[in-house]
Amino acid sequence: MSVHSQTSQEGKKLTISIKGRFDFAKHQEFRECYEHLKPKPESFEVNLKDATYLDSSALGMLLLLRDHAGGENADIRLTHANADVRKILAISNFEQIFDVA
């Protein structure tokens, strides 16, 4: 599996880690990480340290996560992205709607 998730001990934060290409093939795995958690975490981190590429469907998946997490008020951080992935996020203006660290 190339999408892993871990909930903090108190259940307030969900970290989703992506390995390899983040594309449509990962759609179901990605959604399953967050859709059915009860209670819903207060914050989300998408760790892109091992992600080598993002395509438009990955950007769409991030937007779906944002909607699920509360839209504009969602607390979502995209972390540890390499230079290529950061460039895709910047070109897509995702740095305007996500906290990219």
C-alpha atoms as a PDB file:
ATOM      1  CA  MET A   1       0.000   0.000   0.000  1.00  0.00           C
ATOM      2  CA  SER A   2       1.359   3.410  -0.891  1.00  0.00           C
ATOM      3  CA  VAL A   3      -1.075   5.503   1.133  1.00  0.00           C
ATOM      4  CA  HIS A   4      -0.817   5.188   4.903  1.00  0.00           C
ATOM      5  CA  SER A   5      -2.691   6.993   7.629  1.00  0.00           C
ATOM      6  CA  GLN A   6      -2.154   7.446  11.320  1.00  0.00           C
ATOM      7  CA  THR A   7      -4.415   9.111  13.846  1.00  0.00           C
ATOM      8  CA  SER A   8      -2.897  10.874  16.833  1.00  0.00           C
ATOM      9  CA  GLN A   9      -3.372   9.240  20.207  1.00  0.00           C
ATOM     10  CA  GLU A  10      -6.172  11.602  21.188  1.00  0.00           C
ATOM     11  CA  GLY A  11      -7.750  11.314  17.706  1.00  0.00           C
ATOM     12  CA  LYS A  12      -7.533  15.015  16.942  1.00  0.00           C
ATOM     13  CA  LYS A  13      -5.021  14.825  14.075  1.00  0.00           C
ATOM     14  CA  LEU A  14      -4.889  12.534  11.050  1.00  0.00           C
ATOM     15  CA  THR A  15      -1.652  12.176   9.097  1.00  0.00           C
ATOM     16  CA  ILE A  16      -1.868  10.711   5.604  1.00  0.00           C
ATOM     17  CA  SER A  17       1.449   9.738   3.996  1.00  0.00           C
ATOM     18  CA  ILE A  18       1.799   9.284   0.241  1.00  0.00           C
ATOM     19  CA  LYS A  19       4.528   7.195  -1.359  1.00  0.00           C
ATOM     20  CA  GLY A  20       5.327   7.271  -5.080  1.00  0.00           C
ATOM     21  CA  ARG A  21       3.047   8.811  -7.671  1.00  0.00           C
ATOM     22  CA  PHE A  22       0.010  10.555  -6.234  1.00  0.00           C
ATOM     23  CA  ASP A  23      -2.492  10.024  -9.030  1.00  0.00           C
ATOM     24  CA  PHE A  24      -5.928   8.576  -9.743  1.00  0.00           C
ATOM     25  CA  ALA A  25      -4.747   5.062  -8.860  1.00  0.00           C
ATOM     26  CA  LYS A  26      -4.525   6.217  -5.225  1.00  0.00           C
ATOM     27  CA  HIS A  27      -8.002   7.766  -5.138  1.00  0.00           C
ATOM     28  CA  GLN A  28      -9.795   4.992  -3.237  1.00  0.00           C
ATOM     29  CA  GLU A  29      -6.951   4.430  -0.761  1.00  0.00           C
ATOM     30  CA  PHE A  30      -6.734   8.166  -0.045  1.00  0.00           C
ATOM     31  CA  ARG A  31     -10.474   8.575   0.562  1.00  0.00           C
ATOM     32  CA  GLU A  32     -10.626   5.532   2.815  1.00  0.00           C
ATOM     33  CA  CYS A  33      -8.049   7.152   5.097  1.00  0.00           C
ATOM     34  CA  TYR A  34     -10.418   9.914   6.216  1.00  0.00           C
ATOM     35  CA  GLU A  35     -14.012   9.351   5.132  1.00  0.00           C
ATOM     36  CA  HIS A  36     -15.288   7.104   7.910  1.00  0.00           C
ATOM     37  CA  LEU A  37     -13.344   8.329  10.945  1.00  0.00           C
ATOM     38  CA  LYS A  38     -15.514   9.009  13.982  1.00  0.00           C
ATOM     39  CA  PRO A  39     -15.136  11.536  15.414  1.00  0.00           C
ATOM     40  CA  LYS A  40     -13.727  13.556  12.551  1.00  0.00           C
ATOM     41  CA  PRO A  41     -10.179  14.787  13.315  1.00  0.00           C
ATOM     42  CA  GLU A  42      -9.709  18.502  13.949  1.00  0.00           C
ATOM     43  CA  SER A  43      -6.578  18.740  11.804  1.00  0.00           C
ATOM     44  CA  PHE A  44      -5.084  16.893   8.870  1.00  0.00           C
ATOM     45  CA  GLU A  45      -1.552  16.522   7.562  1.00  0.00           C
ATOM     46  CA  VAL A  46      -0.731  15.144   4.134  1.00  0.00           C
ATOM     47  CA  ASN A  47       2.907  14.080   4.281  1.00  0.00           C
ATOM     48  CA  LEU A  48       4.341  14.264   0.761  1.00  0.00           C
ATOM     49  CA  LYS A  49       7.920  13.357   1.707  1.00  0.00           C
ATOM     50  CA  ASP A  50       7.890  10.186  -0.405  1.00  0.00           C
ATOM     51  CA  ALA A  51       5.580  11.488  -3.146  1.00  0.00           C
ATOM     52  CA  THR A  52       7.379  11.733  -6.462  1.00  0.00           C
ATOM     53  CA  TYR A  53       4.627  13.306  -8.562  1.00  0.00           C
ATOM     54  CA  LEU A  54       1.129  14.805  -8.332  1.00  0.00           C
ATOM     55  CA  ASP A  55      -1.330  14.909 -11.194  1.00  0.00           C
ATOM     56  CA  SER A  56      -4.617  16.786 -11.552  1.00  0.00           C
ATOM     57  CA  SER A  57      -6.598  13.991  -9.917  1.00  0.00           C
ATOM     58  CA  ALA A  58      -4.349  14.237  -6.830  1.00  0.00           C
ATOM     59  CA  LEU A  59      -5.083  17.959  -6.674  1.00  0.00           C
ATOM     60  CA  GLY A  60      -8.770  17.102  -6.881  1.00  0.00           C
ATOM     61  CA  MET A  61      -8.385  14.582  -4.044  1.00  0.00           C
ATOM     62  CA  LEU A  62      -6.794  17.267  -1.877  1.00  0.00           C
ATOM     63  CA  LEU A  63      -9.769  19.525  -2.584  1.00  0.00           C
ATOM     64  CA  LEU A  64     -12.173  16.725  -1.633  1.00  0.00           C
ATOM     65  CA  LEU A  65     -10.282  16.298   1.638  1.00  0.00           C
ATOM     66  CA  ARG A  66     -10.582  20.044   2.214  1.00  0.00           C
ATOM     67  CA  ASP A  67     -14.347  19.928   1.647  1.00  0.00           C
ATOM     68  CA  HIS A  68     -14.679  16.951   4.005  1.00  0.00           C
ATOM     69  CA  ALA A  69     -12.588  18.700   6.670  1.00  0.00           C
ATOM     70  CA  GLY A  70     -14.650  21.878   6.685  1.00  0.00           C
ATOM     71  CA  GLY A  71     -13.868  23.860   3.531  1.00  0.00           C
ATOM     72  CA  GLU A  72     -12.256  27.249   4.085  1.00  0.00           C
ATOM     73  CA  ASN A  73     -12.034  26.620   7.823  1.00  0.00           C
ATOM     74  CA  ALA A  74     -10.255  23.275   7.436  1.00  0.00           C
ATOM     75  CA  ASP A  75      -6.909  22.795   9.174  1.00  0.00           C
ATOM     76  CA  ILE A  76      -4.862  20.952   6.544  1.00  0.00           C
ATOM     77  CA  ARG A  77      -1.081  21.037   6.116  1.00  0.00           C
ATOM     78  CA  LEU A  78       0.778  19.663   3.120  1.00  0.00           C
ATOM     79  CA  THR A  79       4.241  18.805   4.431  1.00  0.00           C
ATOM     80  CA  HIS A  80       7.701  17.706   3.283  1.00  0.00           C
ATOM     81  CA  ALA A  81       7.057  18.074  -0.456  1.00  0.00           C
ATOM     82  CA  ASN A  82      10.113  17.828  -2.709  1.00  0.00           C
ATOM     83  CA  ALA A  83      10.932  20.594  -5.193  1.00  0.00           C
ATOM     84  CA  ASP A  84       9.000  19.009  -8.083  1.00  0.00           C
ATOM     85  CA  VAL A  85       5.855  18.487  -6.023  1.00  0.00           C
ATOM     86  CA  ARG A  86       6.129  21.998  -4.540  1.00  0.00           C
ATOM     87  CA  LYS A  87       6.331  23.402  -8.067  1.00  0.00           C
ATOM     88  CA  ILE A  88       3.098  21.627  -9.027  1.00  0.00           C
ATOM     89  CA  LEU A  89       1.403  22.976  -5.886  1.00  0.00           C
ATOM     90  CA  ALA A  90       2.672  26.494  -6.633  1.00  0.00           C
ATOM     91  CA  ILE A  91       1.596  26.442 -10.304  1.00  0.00           C
ATOM     92  CA  SER A  92      -1.844  25.234  -9.194  1.00  0.00           C
ATOM     93  CA  ASN A  93      -2.078  28.018  -6.562  1.00  0.00           C
ATOM     94  CA  PHE A  94      -2.588  25.414  -3.854  1.00  0.00           C
ATOM     95  CA  GLU A  95      -0.277  27.412  -1.620  1.00  0.00           C
ATOM     96  CA  GLN A  96      -3.149  29.921  -1.440  1.00  0.00           C
ATOM     97  CA  ILE A  97      -5.668  27.427  -0.043  1.00  0.00           C
ATOM     98  CA  PHE A  98      -3.467  24.990   1.894  1.00  0.00           C
ATOM     99  CA  ASP A  99      -0.745  25.454   4.469  1.00  0.00           C
ATOM    100  CA  VAL A 100       2.303  24.128   2.587  1.00  0.00           C
ATOM    101  CA  ALA A 101       5.232  23.469   4.881  1.00  0.00           C
END
